């Protein structure tokens, strides 16, 4: 029993270190930045197709059709660059 009590602080410390390591490695969702698709041509009438093209051809997180300047366009959404001043 005494041996078990001596190793208890070691296991507690080990457990806390595992929790801290997992907490620091959790992905952080940043803001999304919108950019007109560089590979889409013509009117964007199907958001699903725009989404697929943005993901496969432009490595975007997603894509969607939106009206800009009176025209339907495909827009891709990327993770915004991290602000180095914060």
Protein backbone atom coordinates (compact mmCIF):
# COMPACT_ATOMS: atom_id res chain seq x y z
CA UNK A 1 0.00 0.00 0.00
CA UNK A 2 2.84 2.40 0.84
CA UNK A 3 4.41 1.83 -2.59
CA UNK A 4 1.10 2.73 -4.28
CA UNK A 5 0.86 5.97 -2.29
CA UNK A 6 4.42 6.95 -3.28
CA UNK A 7 3.67 6.54 -6.99
CA UNK A 8 0.38 8.46 -6.82
CA UNK A 9 1.99 11.92 -7.21
CA UNK A 10 3.91 10.67 -10.25
CA UNK A 11 0.75 9.42 -11.96
CA UNK A 12 -1.13 12.60 -11.06
CA UNK A 13 1.62 14.73 -12.56
CA UNK A 14 1.76 12.52 -15.65
CA UNK A 15 -2.01 12.83 -16.10
CA UNK A 16 -1.87 16.63 -15.78
CA UNK A 17 0.93 16.83 -18.37
CA UNK A 18 -1.12 14.74 -20.81
CA UNK A 19 -4.12 17.06 -20.33
CA UNK A 20 -2.01 20.18 -20.89
CA UNK A 21 -0.36 18.72 -24.00
CA UNK A 22 -3.73 17.80 -25.51
CA UNK A 23 -5.19 21.21 -24.68
CA UNK A 24 -2.33 23.05 -26.41
CA UNK A 25 -2.59 20.90 -29.55
CA UNK A 26 -6.28 21.46 -30.10
CA UNK A 27 -7.00 23.06 -33.49
CA UNK A 28 -8.11 26.66 -33.41
CA UNK A 29 -10.78 27.76 -35.83
CA UNK A 30 -9.83 31.10 -37.27
CA UNK A 31 -11.82 33.57 -39.29
CA UNK A 32 -12.69 32.77 -42.88
CA UNK A 33 -11.71 35.12 -45.67
CA UNK A 34 -13.76 35.35 -48.85
CA UNK A 35 -12.11 35.45 -52.27
CA UNK A 36 -13.66 35.21 -55.72
CA UNK A 37 -12.88 31.86 -57.31
CA UNK A 38 -9.91 31.92 -59.65
CA UNK A 39 -11.04 28.79 -61.52
CA UNK A 40 -14.81 29.34 -61.93
CA UNK A 41 -16.10 30.84 -65.15
CA UNK A 42 -19.58 32.11 -65.92
CA UNK A 43 -22.66 32.46 -63.74
CA UNK A 44 -22.65 30.54 -60.46
CA UNK A 45 -26.01 28.83 -60.15
CA UNK A 46 -25.17 25.80 -58.02
CA UNK A 47 -23.53 26.33 -54.64
CA UNK A 48 -22.70 22.62 -54.37
CA UNK A 49 -20.63 22.71 -57.56
CA UNK A 50 -18.93 25.92 -56.44
CA UNK A 51 -18.15 24.34 -53.06
CA UNK A 52 -16.64 21.24 -54.68
CA UNK A 53 -14.54 23.27 -57.09
CA UNK A 54 -13.23 25.57 -54.38
CA UNK A 55 -12.22 22.59 -52.23
CA UNK A 56 -10.69 20.45 -54.98
CA UNK A 57 -9.10 23.05 -57.25
CA UNK A 58 -8.27 25.92 -54.91
CA UNK A 59 -7.69 24.15 -51.57
CA UNK A 60 -10.38 26.26 -49.89
CA UNK A 61 -12.36 25.29 -46.80
CA UNK A 62 -15.61 25.75 -48.75
CA UNK A 63 -17.29 27.75 -51.47
CA UNK A 64 -20.68 29.29 -52.26
CA UNK A 65 -22.53 31.27 -54.92
CA UNK A 66 -23.30 34.92 -54.08
CA UNK A 67 -24.50 37.97 -55.98
CA UNK A 68 -21.89 40.70 -56.36
CA UNK A 69 -22.33 43.70 -58.64
CA UNK A 70 -25.57 42.17 -59.97
CA UNK A 71 -23.88 38.91 -61.04
CA UNK A 72 -23.88 35.44 -59.47
CA UNK A 73 -20.26 34.52 -58.72
CA UNK A 74 -18.49 31.62 -57.03
CA UNK A 75 -16.63 32.63 -53.88
CA UNK A 76 -14.13 30.47 -52.04
CA UNK A 77 -13.49 30.70 -48.31
CA UNK A 78 -10.02 30.25 -46.84
CA UNK A 79 -8.59 30.52 -43.34
CA UNK A 80 -7.54 34.13 -42.93
CA UNK A 81 -3.81 34.73 -42.44
CA UNK A 82 -2.85 35.12 -38.79
CA UNK A 83 -2.26 38.69 -37.71
CA UNK A 84 1.38 38.80 -36.62
CA UNK A 85 0.78 41.88 -34.45
CA UNK A 86 -1.58 40.19 -31.95
